[in-house]
Amino acid sequence: MKIFGICASPRNNTTEHVLSKALGHLEDNGFECEMFTCQAKDIKPCMHCDYCLENKKCIIDDDMGDVYRGLQEADGIILATPIQSGGISSNLSAIMDRTRALEAIDYNLLRGKIGMSIAVGGDRTGGQDFAHLKNITYFMIHGIIPVSGGPFGSNLGASFWSDDSLDNIKNDDYGWSSLNRTLAEFENFLNKYI
């Protein structure tokens, strides 16, 4: 099974580190994993021009082509975002909006895939839950089955706190525990439904 992870950080630091660890765990358990990172990528915002509805592709030619391919090929999708202004990054917001072009090709293209959320904030309560809710809403709109780590510490997904240092993220025991629980449910759903 294929897992496509999106690191929606404009810098590859703490969010990329957490997603890399998650994908490494999944690879160790037999999954084929790929990571797309937004760092130094050209992802323009959706113009909502409806070109995709008539032409079955996005009018914008940028690095979203790699995201479209990865989303289509994946059985499981992980959205990992740093917290910006109390929610998801602008990079992830653009990616979500641009996914509209995939539904223009086939409304059911993403349906039935399994999705999980990772949020890394500068505070323990810096907006991680809001980011998870946005990711979960995105999953639901596109027919992707969202999973969490359950009701004891990872209700909506894996939540980390860091002051933008790898040392802090590596020592965030609460965050790693939430990731482990969420990954366990992600694997359970993949093995059961895919």
N, C-alpha and C. Protein backbone atom coordinates (compact mmCIF):
# COMPACT_ATOMS: atom_id res chain seq x y z
N MET A 1 0.83 -1.19 0.00
CA MET A 1 0.00 0.00 0.00
C MET A 1 0.87 1.25 0.00
N LYS A 2 0.38 2.29 -0.62
CA LYS A 2 1.15 3.52 -0.78
C LYS A 2 0.62 4.61 0.16
N ILE A 3 1.56 5.29 0.79
CA ILE A 3 1.24 6.42 1.68
C ILE A 3 1.89 7.66 1.10
N PHE A 4 1.10 8.72 0.98
CA PHE A 4 1.60 10.00 0.49
C PHE A 4 1.50 11.02 1.62
N GLY A 5 2.65 11.52 2.04
CA GLY A 5 2.69 12.51 3.11
C GLY A 5 3.03 13.88 2.56
N ILE A 6 2.27 14.88 2.97
CA ILE A 6 2.52 16.26 2.55
C ILE A 6 3.05 17.04 3.75
N CYS A 7 4.26 17.55 3.62
CA CYS A 7 4.83 18.45 4.62
C CYS A 7 4.57 19.87 4.14
N ALA A 8 3.61 20.52 4.80
CA ALA A 8 3.14 21.82 4.33
C ALA A 8 3.91 22.99 4.93
N SER A 9 5.11 22.74 5.40
CA SER A 9 5.93 23.80 5.97
C SER A 9 6.74 24.49 4.88
N PRO A 10 6.87 25.81 4.93
CA PRO A 10 7.74 26.50 3.98
C PRO A 10 9.22 26.25 4.27
N ARG A 11 9.50 25.74 5.48
CA ARG A 11 10.87 25.37 5.88
C ARG A 11 10.86 23.91 6.29
N ASN A 12 11.90 23.20 5.99
CA ASN A 12 11.97 21.81 6.44
C ASN A 12 12.70 21.77 7.77
N ASN A 13 11.93 21.72 8.85
CA ASN A 13 12.53 21.65 10.17
C ASN A 13 11.68 20.70 11.01
N THR A 14 10.93 21.20 11.94
CA THR A 14 10.23 20.34 12.90
C THR A 14 9.10 19.55 12.26
N THR A 15 8.29 20.17 11.42
CA THR A 15 7.18 19.46 10.78
C THR A 15 7.70 18.35 9.88
N GLU A 16 8.73 18.65 9.12
CA GLU A 16 9.34 17.65 8.24
C GLU A 16 9.94 16.52 9.06
N HIS A 17 10.54 16.83 10.20
CA HIS A 17 11.13 15.81 11.06
C HIS A 17 10.06 14.83 11.55
N VAL A 18 8.94 15.37 12.02
CA VAL A 18 7.86 14.50 12.53
C VAL A 18 7.28 13.64 11.41
N LEU A 19 7.02 14.25 10.25
CA LEU A 19 6.47 13.47 9.14
C LEU A 19 7.45 12.41 8.67
N SER A 20 8.73 12.73 8.63
CA SER A 20 9.74 11.74 8.24
C SER A 20 9.73 10.55 9.18
N LYS A 21 9.62 10.81 10.48
CA LYS A 21 9.57 9.72 11.46
C LYS A 21 8.32 8.87 11.26
N ALA A 22 7.18 9.52 11.01
CA ALA A 22 5.94 8.78 10.79
C ALA A 22 6.05 7.90 9.55
N LEU A 23 6.56 8.45 8.46
CA LEU A 23 6.71 7.67 7.24
C LEU A 23 7.73 6.57 7.40
N GLY A 24 8.80 6.83 8.16
CA GLY A 24 9.79 5.79 8.43
C GLY A 24 9.18 4.62 9.18
N HIS A 25 8.34 4.91 10.16
CA HIS A 25 7.63 3.87 10.91
C HIS A 25 6.76 3.03 9.98
N LEU A 26 6.04 3.71 9.10
CA LEU A 26 5.16 3.00 8.17
C LEU A 26 5.96 2.16 7.18
N GLU A 27 7.09 2.68 6.71
CA GLU A 27 7.96 1.89 5.82
C GLU A 27 8.47 0.64 6.52
N ASP A 28 8.83 0.79 7.80
CA ASP A 28 9.29 -0.38 8.57
C ASP A 28 8.21 -1.45 8.68
N ASN A 29 6.94 -1.02 8.56
CA ASN A 29 5.82 -1.95 8.65
C ASN A 29 5.29 -2.36 7.27
N GLY A 30 6.09 -2.13 6.23
CA GLY A 30 5.78 -2.66 4.92
C GLY A 30 5.03 -1.75 3.96
N PHE A 31 4.81 -0.49 4.34
CA PHE A 31 4.12 0.44 3.45
C PHE A 31 5.13 1.15 2.55
N GLU A 32 4.72 1.47 1.34
CA GLU A 32 5.53 2.26 0.43
C GLU A 32 5.18 3.72 0.67
N CYS A 33 6.17 4.53 1.00
CA CYS A 33 5.89 5.91 1.42
C CYS A 33 6.62 6.92 0.54
N GLU A 34 5.96 8.05 0.35
CA GLU A 34 6.54 9.18 -0.38
C GLU A 34 6.18 10.46 0.36
N MET A 35 7.13 11.38 0.43
CA MET A 35 6.86 12.67 1.05
C MET A 35 7.02 13.79 0.01
N PHE A 36 6.03 14.66 0.00
CA PHE A 36 6.11 15.91 -0.77
C PHE A 36 6.31 17.02 0.24
N THR A 37 7.33 17.83 0.05
CA THR A 37 7.57 18.95 0.93
C THR A 37 7.36 20.25 0.16
N CYS A 38 6.74 21.21 0.81
CA CYS A 38 6.44 22.49 0.18
C CYS A 38 7.65 23.43 0.12
N GLN A 39 8.70 23.08 0.82
CA GLN A 39 9.87 23.95 0.83
C GLN A 39 10.39 24.18 -0.59
N ALA A 40 10.53 25.43 -0.95
CA ALA A 40 11.08 25.85 -2.26
C ALA A 40 10.23 25.37 -3.43
N LYS A 41 8.96 25.05 -3.18
CA LYS A 41 8.07 24.63 -4.26
C LYS A 41 7.18 25.80 -4.68
N ASP A 42 6.74 25.75 -5.90
CA ASP A 42 5.84 26.76 -6.44
C ASP A 42 4.42 26.20 -6.43
N ILE A 43 3.63 26.60 -5.44
CA ILE A 43 2.23 26.18 -5.33
C ILE A 43 1.38 27.46 -5.31
N LYS A 44 0.79 27.76 -6.42
CA LYS A 44 -0.02 28.98 -6.50
C LYS A 44 -1.42 28.73 -5.94
N PRO A 45 -2.09 29.78 -5.48
CA PRO A 45 -3.46 29.60 -4.98
C PRO A 45 -4.44 29.33 -6.12
N CYS A 46 -5.52 28.66 -5.79
CA CYS A 46 -6.60 28.41 -6.75
C CYS A 46 -7.24 29.74 -7.15
N MET A 47 -7.51 29.89 -8.44
CA MET A 47 -8.18 31.10 -8.92
C MET A 47 -9.69 30.90 -9.04
N HIS A 48 -10.13 29.70 -8.78
CA HIS A 48 -11.56 29.34 -8.88
C HIS A 48 -12.13 29.82 -10.22
N CYS A 49 -11.36 29.56 -11.27
CA CYS A 49 -11.73 30.04 -12.61
C CYS A 49 -12.62 29.06 -13.36
N ASP A 50 -12.76 27.84 -12.83
CA ASP A 50 -13.56 26.77 -13.43
C ASP A 50 -12.97 26.19 -14.70
N TYR A 51 -11.73 26.52 -15.00
CA TYR A 51 -11.05 25.91 -16.15
C TYR A 51 -11.02 24.39 -16.00
N CYS A 52 -10.79 23.91 -14.79
CA CYS A 52 -10.69 22.46 -14.56
C CYS A 52 -12.01 21.74 -14.84
N LEU A 53 -13.12 22.41 -14.62
CA LEU A 53 -14.42 21.78 -14.85
C LEU A 53 -14.63 21.46 -16.33
N GLU A 54 -14.15 22.31 -17.19
CA GLU A 54 -14.32 22.10 -18.62
C GLU A 54 -13.19 21.31 -19.26
N ASN A 55 -11.98 21.44 -18.71
CA ASN A 55 -10.79 20.87 -19.36
C ASN A 55 -10.18 19.69 -18.61
N LYS A 56 -10.75 19.34 -17.45
CA LYS A 56 -10.30 18.18 -16.66
C LYS A 56 -8.84 18.28 -16.24
N LYS A 57 -8.36 19.49 -16.06
CA LYS A 57 -7.03 19.73 -15.50
C LYS A 57 -6.98 21.18 -15.04
N CYS A 58 -6.01 21.45 -14.16
CA CYS A 58 -5.84 22.80 -13.64
C CYS A 58 -5.13 23.66 -14.69
N ILE A 59 -5.55 24.90 -14.79
CA ILE A 59 -4.93 25.83 -15.74
C ILE A 59 -3.53 26.24 -15.29
N ILE A 60 -3.25 26.12 -13.99
CA ILE A 60 -1.96 26.54 -13.43
C ILE A 60 -0.95 25.40 -13.58
N ASP A 61 0.19 25.71 -14.16
CA ASP A 61 1.26 24.73 -14.33
C ASP A 61 2.36 25.03 -13.33
N ASP A 62 2.35 24.30 -12.20
CA ASP A 62 3.36 24.50 -11.16
C ASP A 62 3.63 23.16 -10.48
N ASP A 63 4.16 23.19 -9.27
CA ASP A 63 4.55 21.95 -8.60
C ASP A 63 3.37 21.14 -8.07
N MET A 64 2.15 21.60 -8.25
CA MET A 64 0.99 20.81 -7.84
C MET A 64 0.87 19.51 -8.62
N GLY A 65 1.51 19.44 -9.77
CA GLY A 65 1.48 18.19 -10.55
C GLY A 65 1.96 17.01 -9.74
N ASP A 66 3.00 17.21 -8.92
CA ASP A 66 3.52 16.14 -8.07
C ASP A 66 2.52 15.77 -6.98
N VAL A 67 1.79 16.77 -6.47
CA VAL A 67 0.78 16.51 -5.45
C VAL A 67 -0.39 15.74 -6.05
N TYR A 68 -0.84 16.16 -7.23
CA TYR A 68 -1.94 15.45 -7.89
C TYR A 68 -1.60 13.98 -8.09
N ARG A 69 -0.40 13.71 -8.59
CA ARG A 69 0.02 12.33 -8.82
C ARG A 69 0.06 11.55 -7.51
N GLY A 70 0.68 12.16 -6.49
CA GLY A 70 0.81 11.47 -5.20
C GLY A 70 -0.53 11.16 -4.57
N LEU A 71 -1.46 12.11 -4.63
CA LEU A 71 -2.79 11.89 -4.05
C LEU A 71 -3.53 10.79 -4.80
N GLN A 72 -3.42 10.77 -6.11
CA GLN A 72 -4.12 9.75 -6.90
C GLN A 72 -3.58 8.35 -6.63
N GLU A 73 -2.28 8.22 -6.48
CA GLU A 73 -1.67 6.90 -6.31
C GLU A 73 -1.77 6.38 -4.88
N ALA A 74 -2.03 7.25 -3.93
CA ALA A 74 -1.97 6.87 -2.51
C ALA A 74 -3.20 6.08 -2.07
N ASP A 75 -2.95 5.18 -1.12
CA ASP A 75 -4.03 4.53 -0.36
C ASP A 75 -4.28 5.29 0.93
N GLY A 76 -3.21 5.87 1.47
CA GLY A 76 -3.28 6.66 2.70
C GLY A 76 -2.62 8.01 2.50
N ILE A 77 -3.18 9.05 3.13
CA ILE A 77 -2.68 10.42 2.98
C ILE A 77 -2.44 11.00 4.36
N ILE A 78 -1.26 11.58 4.56
CA ILE A 78 -0.94 12.26 5.81
C ILE A 78 -0.70 13.74 5.50
N LEU A 79 -1.47 14.58 6.16
CA LEU A 79 -1.28 16.02 6.04
C LEU A 79 -0.56 16.52 7.30
N ALA A 80 0.64 17.06 7.12
CA ALA A 80 1.43 17.56 8.25
C ALA A 80 1.64 19.05 8.05
N THR A 81 1.18 19.84 9.02
CA THR A 81 1.26 21.29 8.87
C THR A 81 1.85 21.95 10.10
N PRO A 82 2.66 22.98 9.89
CA PRO A 82 2.99 23.85 11.02
C PRO A 82 1.78 24.74 11.29
N ILE A 83 1.69 25.25 12.50
CA ILE A 83 0.59 26.16 12.83
C ILE A 83 0.99 27.57 12.43
N GLN A 84 0.14 28.18 11.62
CA GLN A 84 0.34 29.57 11.20
C GLN A 84 -0.96 30.32 11.46
N SER A 85 -0.88 31.38 12.23
CA SER A 85 -2.06 32.19 12.59
C SER A 85 -3.16 31.33 13.18
N GLY A 86 -2.79 30.35 14.00
CA GLY A 86 -3.76 29.52 14.70
C GLY A 86 -4.40 28.43 13.88
N GLY A 87 -3.84 28.10 12.73
CA GLY A 87 -4.42 27.06 11.88
C GLY A 87 -3.39 26.48 10.92
N ILE A 88 -3.88 25.93 9.80
CA ILE A 88 -2.98 25.32 8.83
C ILE A 88 -2.14 26.38 8.12
N SER A 89 -1.07 25.92 7.48
CA SER A 89 -0.21 26.84 6.73
C SER A 89 -0.89 27.28 5.45
N SER A 90 -0.43 28.40 4.92
CA SER A 90 -0.96 28.88 3.65
C SER A 90 -0.65 27.90 2.52
N ASN A 91 0.46 27.19 2.64
CA ASN A 91 0.80 26.18 1.64
C ASN A 91 -0.26 25.08 1.59
N LEU A 92 -0.65 24.59 2.77
CA LEU A 92 -1.63 23.51 2.81
C LEU A 92 -2.99 24.01 2.34
N SER A 93 -3.33 25.22 2.68
CA SER A 93 -4.60 25.79 2.22
C SER A 93 -4.65 25.84 0.69
N ALA A 94 -3.56 26.26 0.07
CA ALA A 94 -3.52 26.30 -1.40
C ALA A 94 -3.64 24.90 -1.99
N ILE A 95 -2.95 23.93 -1.40
CA ILE A 95 -3.03 22.55 -1.89
C ILE A 95 -4.47 22.04 -1.79
N MET A 96 -5.10 22.28 -0.65
CA MET A 96 -6.49 21.83 -0.49
C MET A 96 -7.40 22.44 -1.55
N ASP A 97 -7.27 23.74 -1.76
CA ASP A 97 -8.13 24.41 -2.74
C ASP A 97 -7.88 23.90 -4.16
N ARG A 98 -6.63 23.65 -4.47
CA ARG A 98 -6.27 23.20 -5.82
C ARG A 98 -6.69 21.75 -6.09
N THR A 99 -7.02 20.99 -5.05
CA THR A 99 -7.46 19.61 -5.23
C THR A 99 -8.77 19.56 -6.01
N ARG A 100 -9.48 20.67 -6.07
CA ARG A 100 -10.72 20.75 -6.84
C ARG A 100 -10.54 20.22 -8.26
N ALA A 101 -9.36 20.42 -8.82
CA ALA A 101 -9.10 19.96 -10.19
C ALA A 101 -9.15 18.44 -10.29
N LEU A 102 -8.80 17.72 -9.22
CA LEU A 102 -8.90 16.26 -9.26
C LEU A 102 -10.35 15.80 -9.33
N GLU A 103 -11.22 16.46 -8.57
CA GLU A 103 -12.64 16.09 -8.61
C GLU A 103 -13.26 16.43 -9.96
N ALA A 104 -12.69 17.41 -10.65
CA ALA A 104 -13.18 17.73 -11.99
C ALA A 104 -12.88 16.58 -12.96
N ILE A 105 -11.81 15.86 -12.70
CA ILE A 105 -11.47 14.68 -13.52
C ILE A 105 -12.41 13.53 -13.17
N ASP A 106 -12.52 13.26 -11.87
CA ASP A 106 -13.37 12.17 -11.39
C ASP A 106 -13.78 12.50 -9.96
N TYR A 107 -15.06 12.69 -9.76
CA TYR A 107 -15.60 13.07 -8.46
C TYR A 107 -15.19 12.10 -7.35
N ASN A 108 -15.00 10.84 -7.69
CA ASN A 108 -14.70 9.80 -6.70
C ASN A 108 -13.21 9.47 -6.59
N LEU A 109 -12.36 10.29 -7.17
CA LEU A 109 -10.94 9.97 -7.25
C LEU A 109 -10.27 9.72 -5.89
N LEU A 110 -10.66 10.46 -4.86
CA LEU A 110 -10.02 10.33 -3.55
C LEU A 110 -10.86 9.53 -2.55
N ARG A 111 -12.06 9.18 -2.92
CA ARG A 111 -12.98 8.50 -2.01
C ARG A 111 -12.44 7.15 -1.54
N GLY A 112 -12.58 6.92 -0.23
CA GLY A 112 -12.18 5.64 0.35
C GLY A 112 -10.73 5.56 0.78
N LYS A 113 -9.94 6.57 0.47
CA LYS A 113 -8.56 6.59 0.97
C LYS A 113 -8.61 6.91 2.47
N ILE A 114 -7.53 6.62 3.18
CA ILE A 114 -7.46 6.86 4.62
C ILE A 114 -6.58 8.08 4.88
N GLY A 115 -7.02 8.98 5.76
CA GLY A 115 -6.26 10.20 6.01
C GLY A 115 -5.97 10.42 7.49
N MET A 116 -4.81 10.97 7.78
CA MET A 116 -4.47 11.36 9.14
C MET A 116 -3.80 12.73 9.15
N SER A 117 -3.85 13.36 10.32
CA SER A 117 -3.39 14.74 10.47
C SER A 117 -2.27 14.84 11.49
N ILE A 118 -1.28 15.66 11.16
CA ILE A 118 -0.20 16.02 12.08
C ILE A 118 -0.13 17.54 12.13
N ALA A 119 -0.06 18.10 13.34
CA ALA A 119 0.04 19.55 13.51
C ALA A 119 1.16 19.87 14.49
N VAL A 120 2.02 20.81 14.10
CA VAL A 120 3.16 21.22 14.94
C VAL A 120 3.04 22.71 15.21
N GLY A 121 2.87 23.07 16.48
CA GLY A 121 2.69 24.47 16.85
C GLY A 121 3.80 25.01 17.71
N GLY A 122 3.89 26.33 17.77
CA GLY A 122 4.87 27.01 18.60
C GLY A 122 4.46 27.07 20.06
N ASP A 123 3.23 26.69 20.36
CA ASP A 123 2.71 26.57 21.72
C ASP A 123 2.02 25.22 21.82
N ARG A 124 1.87 24.71 23.02
CA ARG A 124 1.13 23.45 23.20
C ARG A 124 -0.30 23.59 22.70
N THR A 125 -0.89 24.77 22.91
CA THR A 125 -2.26 25.01 22.44
C THR A 125 -2.27 26.17 21.45
N GLY A 126 -1.40 26.10 20.47
CA GLY A 126 -1.24 27.20 19.53
C GLY A 126 -2.18 27.17 18.34
N GLY A 127 -3.04 26.17 18.26
CA GLY A 127 -3.95 26.05 17.12
C GLY A 127 -3.95 24.68 16.49
N GLN A 128 -3.30 23.72 17.15
CA GLN A 128 -3.23 22.37 16.60
C GLN A 128 -4.62 21.78 16.36
N ASP A 129 -5.55 21.95 17.31
CA ASP A 129 -6.88 21.39 17.13
C ASP A 129 -7.59 22.03 15.94
N PHE A 130 -7.42 23.33 15.74
CA PHE A 130 -8.04 23.99 14.59
C PHE A 130 -7.46 23.45 13.28
N ALA A 131 -6.14 23.21 13.27
CA ALA A 131 -5.51 22.63 12.08
C ALA A 131 -6.05 21.23 11.81
N HIS A 132 -6.15 20.42 12.87
CA HIS A 132 -6.70 19.07 12.69
C HIS A 132 -8.12 19.13 12.14
N LEU A 133 -8.94 20.02 12.68
CA LEU A 133 -10.32 20.12 12.22
C LEU A 133 -10.38 20.52 10.75
N LYS A 134 -9.50 21.42 10.32
CA LYS A 134 -9.45 21.79 8.90
C LYS A 134 -9.05 20.59 8.05
N ASN A 135 -8.03 19.84 8.52
CA ASN A 135 -7.60 18.66 7.77
C ASN A 135 -8.72 17.62 7.70
N ILE A 136 -9.40 17.40 8.83
CA ILE A 136 -10.49 16.44 8.86
C ILE A 136 -11.64 16.89 7.95
N THR A 137 -11.94 18.18 7.95
CA THR A 137 -12.96 18.71 7.05
C THR A 137 -12.58 18.47 5.60
N TYR A 138 -11.32 18.71 5.27
CA TYR A 138 -10.83 18.44 3.91
C TYR A 138 -11.03 16.97 3.56
N PHE A 139 -10.63 16.09 4.48
CA PHE A 139 -10.80 14.66 4.21
C PHE A 139 -12.26 14.33 3.94
N MET A 140 -13.14 14.82 4.78
CA MET A 140 -14.56 14.50 4.64
C MET A 140 -15.14 15.02 3.33
N ILE A 141 -14.78 16.22 2.95
CA ILE A 141 -15.29 16.80 1.70
C ILE A 141 -14.91 15.93 0.50
N HIS A 142 -13.73 15.35 0.55
CA HIS A 142 -13.22 14.58 -0.59
C HIS A 142 -13.45 13.08 -0.44
N GLY A 143 -14.19 12.67 0.58
CA GLY A 143 -14.50 11.24 0.74
C GLY A 143 -13.36 10.43 1.31
N ILE A 144 -12.36 11.10 1.88
CA ILE A 144 -11.23 10.42 2.53
C ILE A 144 -11.65 10.12 3.96
N ILE A 145 -11.37 8.92 4.43
CA ILE A 145 -11.77 8.50 5.77
C ILE A 145 -10.75 9.02 6.78
N PRO A 146 -11.14 9.97 7.66
CA PRO A 146 -10.19 10.52 8.63
C PRO A 146 -10.06 9.61 9.85
N VAL A 147 -8.83 9.49 10.36
CA VAL A 147 -8.61 8.74 11.59
C VAL A 147 -7.91 9.63 12.61
N SER A 148 -8.08 9.26 13.87
CA SER A 148 -7.37 9.94 14.95
C SER A 148 -6.74 8.87 15.82
N GLY A 149 -6.13 9.29 16.89
CA GLY A 149 -5.52 8.34 17.81
C GLY A 149 -6.44 7.94 18.94
N GLY A 150 -7.69 8.33 18.87
CA GLY A 150 -8.63 7.96 19.91
C GLY A 150 -8.79 9.03 20.98
N PRO A 151 -9.60 8.75 21.99
CA PRO A 151 -10.01 9.77 22.94
C PRO A 151 -9.05 10.08 24.09
N PHE A 152 -7.84 9.54 24.06
CA PHE A 152 -6.94 9.76 25.20
C PHE A 152 -5.65 10.42 24.76
N GLY A 153 -5.72 11.70 24.41
CA GLY A 153 -4.52 12.46 24.12
C GLY A 153 -4.25 12.73 22.66
N SER A 154 -5.00 12.14 21.78
CA SER A 154 -4.81 12.42 20.34
C SER A 154 -6.17 12.35 19.65
N ASN A 155 -7.10 13.08 20.22
CA ASN A 155 -8.50 13.03 19.77
C ASN A 155 -8.67 13.31 18.30
N LEU A 156 -7.89 14.23 17.75
CA LEU A 156 -8.07 14.63 16.36
C LEU A 156 -6.89 14.27 15.48
N GLY A 157 -5.76 13.96 16.08
CA GLY A 157 -4.56 13.63 15.32
C GLY A 157 -3.33 13.80 16.20
N ALA A 158 -2.18 13.78 15.57
CA ALA A 158 -0.91 13.91 16.29
C ALA A 158 -0.58 15.39 16.47
N SER A 159 -0.42 15.82 17.71
CA SER A 159 -0.17 17.23 18.02
C SER A 159 1.17 17.40 18.72
N PHE A 160 1.98 18.29 18.17
CA PHE A 160 3.31 18.55 18.71
C PHE A 160 3.45 20.01 19.09
N TRP A 161 4.37 20.24 20.02
CA TRP A 161 4.77 21.58 20.40
C TRP A 161 6.26 21.71 20.21
N SER A 162 6.69 22.84 19.65
CA SER A 162 8.11 23.10 19.48
C SER A 162 8.32 24.60 19.38
N ASP A 163 9.43 25.06 19.90
CA ASP A 163 9.80 26.46 19.71
C ASP A 163 10.67 26.60 18.47
N ASP A 164 10.44 25.71 17.51
CA ASP A 164 11.16 25.67 16.23
C ASP A 164 12.56 25.09 16.37
N SER A 165 12.75 24.25 17.39
CA SER A 165 14.04 23.58 17.49
C SER A 165 13.83 22.07 17.45
N LEU A 166 14.72 21.40 16.77
CA LEU A 166 14.62 19.94 16.69
C LEU A 166 14.80 19.30 18.05
N ASP A 167 15.61 19.91 18.91
CA ASP A 167 15.78 19.36 20.25
C ASP A 167 14.45 19.32 21.00
N ASN A 168 13.69 20.41 20.93
CA ASN A 168 12.39 20.43 21.61
C ASN A 168 11.43 19.40 21.04
N ILE A 169 11.38 19.29 19.72
CA ILE A 169 10.44 18.35 19.10
C ILE A 169 10.84 16.91 19.44
N LYS A 170 12.12 16.64 19.47
CA LYS A 170 12.59 15.28 19.80
C LYS A 170 12.24 14.91 21.24
N ASN A 171 12.13 15.91 22.12
CA ASN A 171 11.83 15.65 23.53
C ASN A 171 10.35 15.86 23.89
N ASP A 172 9.51 16.02 22.89
CA ASP A 172 8.08 16.22 23.14
C ASP A 172 7.41 14.85 23.29
N ASP A 173 7.54 14.28 24.48
CA ASP A 173 7.00 12.94 24.72
C ASP A 173 5.49 12.86 24.47
N TYR A 174 4.78 13.91 24.85
CA TYR A 174 3.34 13.95 24.62
C TYR A 174 3.03 13.89 23.12
N GLY A 175 3.78 14.66 22.34
CA GLY A 175 3.58 14.66 20.90
C GLY A 175 3.85 13.31 20.27
N TRP A 176 4.96 12.67 20.67
CA TRP A 176 5.29 11.35 20.11
C TRP A 176 4.27 10.31 20.50
N SER A 177 3.75 10.42 21.72
CA SER A 177 2.70 9.50 22.14
C SER A 177 1.45 9.69 21.29
N SER A 178 1.10 10.94 21.01
CA SER A 178 -0.07 11.19 20.17
C SER A 178 0.16 10.68 18.74
N LEU A 179 1.39 10.79 18.25
CA LEU A 179 1.71 10.28 16.92
C LEU A 179 1.61 8.76 16.89
N ASN A 180 2.15 8.10 17.90
CA ASN A 180 2.11 6.63 17.93
C ASN A 180 0.68 6.11 17.94
N ARG A 181 -0.19 6.76 18.74
CA ARG A 181 -1.59 6.33 18.78
C ARG A 181 -2.28 6.56 17.43
N THR A 182 -2.00 7.70 16.83
CA THR A 182 -2.63 8.02 15.55
C THR A 182 -2.13 7.10 14.45
N LEU A 183 -0.84 6.83 14.45
CA LEU A 183 -0.29 5.90 13.46
C LEU A 183 -0.88 4.50 13.60
N ALA A 184 -1.09 4.06 14.83
CA ALA A 184 -1.67 2.73 15.06
C ALA A 184 -3.07 2.65 14.44
N GLU A 185 -3.88 3.68 14.64
CA GLU A 185 -5.22 3.69 14.05
C GLU A 185 -5.16 3.82 12.53
N PHE A 186 -4.24 4.61 12.03
CA PHE A 186 -4.05 4.78 10.58
C PHE A 186 -3.75 3.42 9.94
N GLU A 187 -2.81 2.69 10.54
CA GLU A 187 -2.47 1.36 10.02
C GLU A 187 -3.65 0.41 10.12
N ASN A 188 -4.37 0.44 11.24
CA ASN A 188 -5.54 -0.42 11.40
C ASN A 188 -6.56 -0.18 10.29
N PHE A 189 -6.84 1.07 10.02
CA PHE A 189 -7.82 1.40 8.98
C PHE A 189 -7.32 1.00 7.60
N LEU A 190 -6.03 1.23 7.32
CA LEU A 190 -5.48 0.84 6.02
C LEU A 190 -5.60 -0.67 5.84
N ASN A 191 -5.23 -1.43 6.86
CA ASN A 191 -5.26 -2.89 6.75
C ASN A 191 -6.69 -3.43 6.68
N LYS A 192 -7.62 -2.72 7.27
CA LYS A 192 -9.00 -3.21 7.31
C LYS A 192 -9.80 -2.82 6.07
N TYR A 193 -9.56 -1.61 5.55
CA TYR A 193 -10.44 -1.08 4.51
C TYR A 193 -9.82 -0.97 3.12
N ILE A 194 -8.51 -1.10 3.02
CA ILE A 194 -7.87 -0.96 1.70
C ILE A 194 -7.45 -2.33 1.17
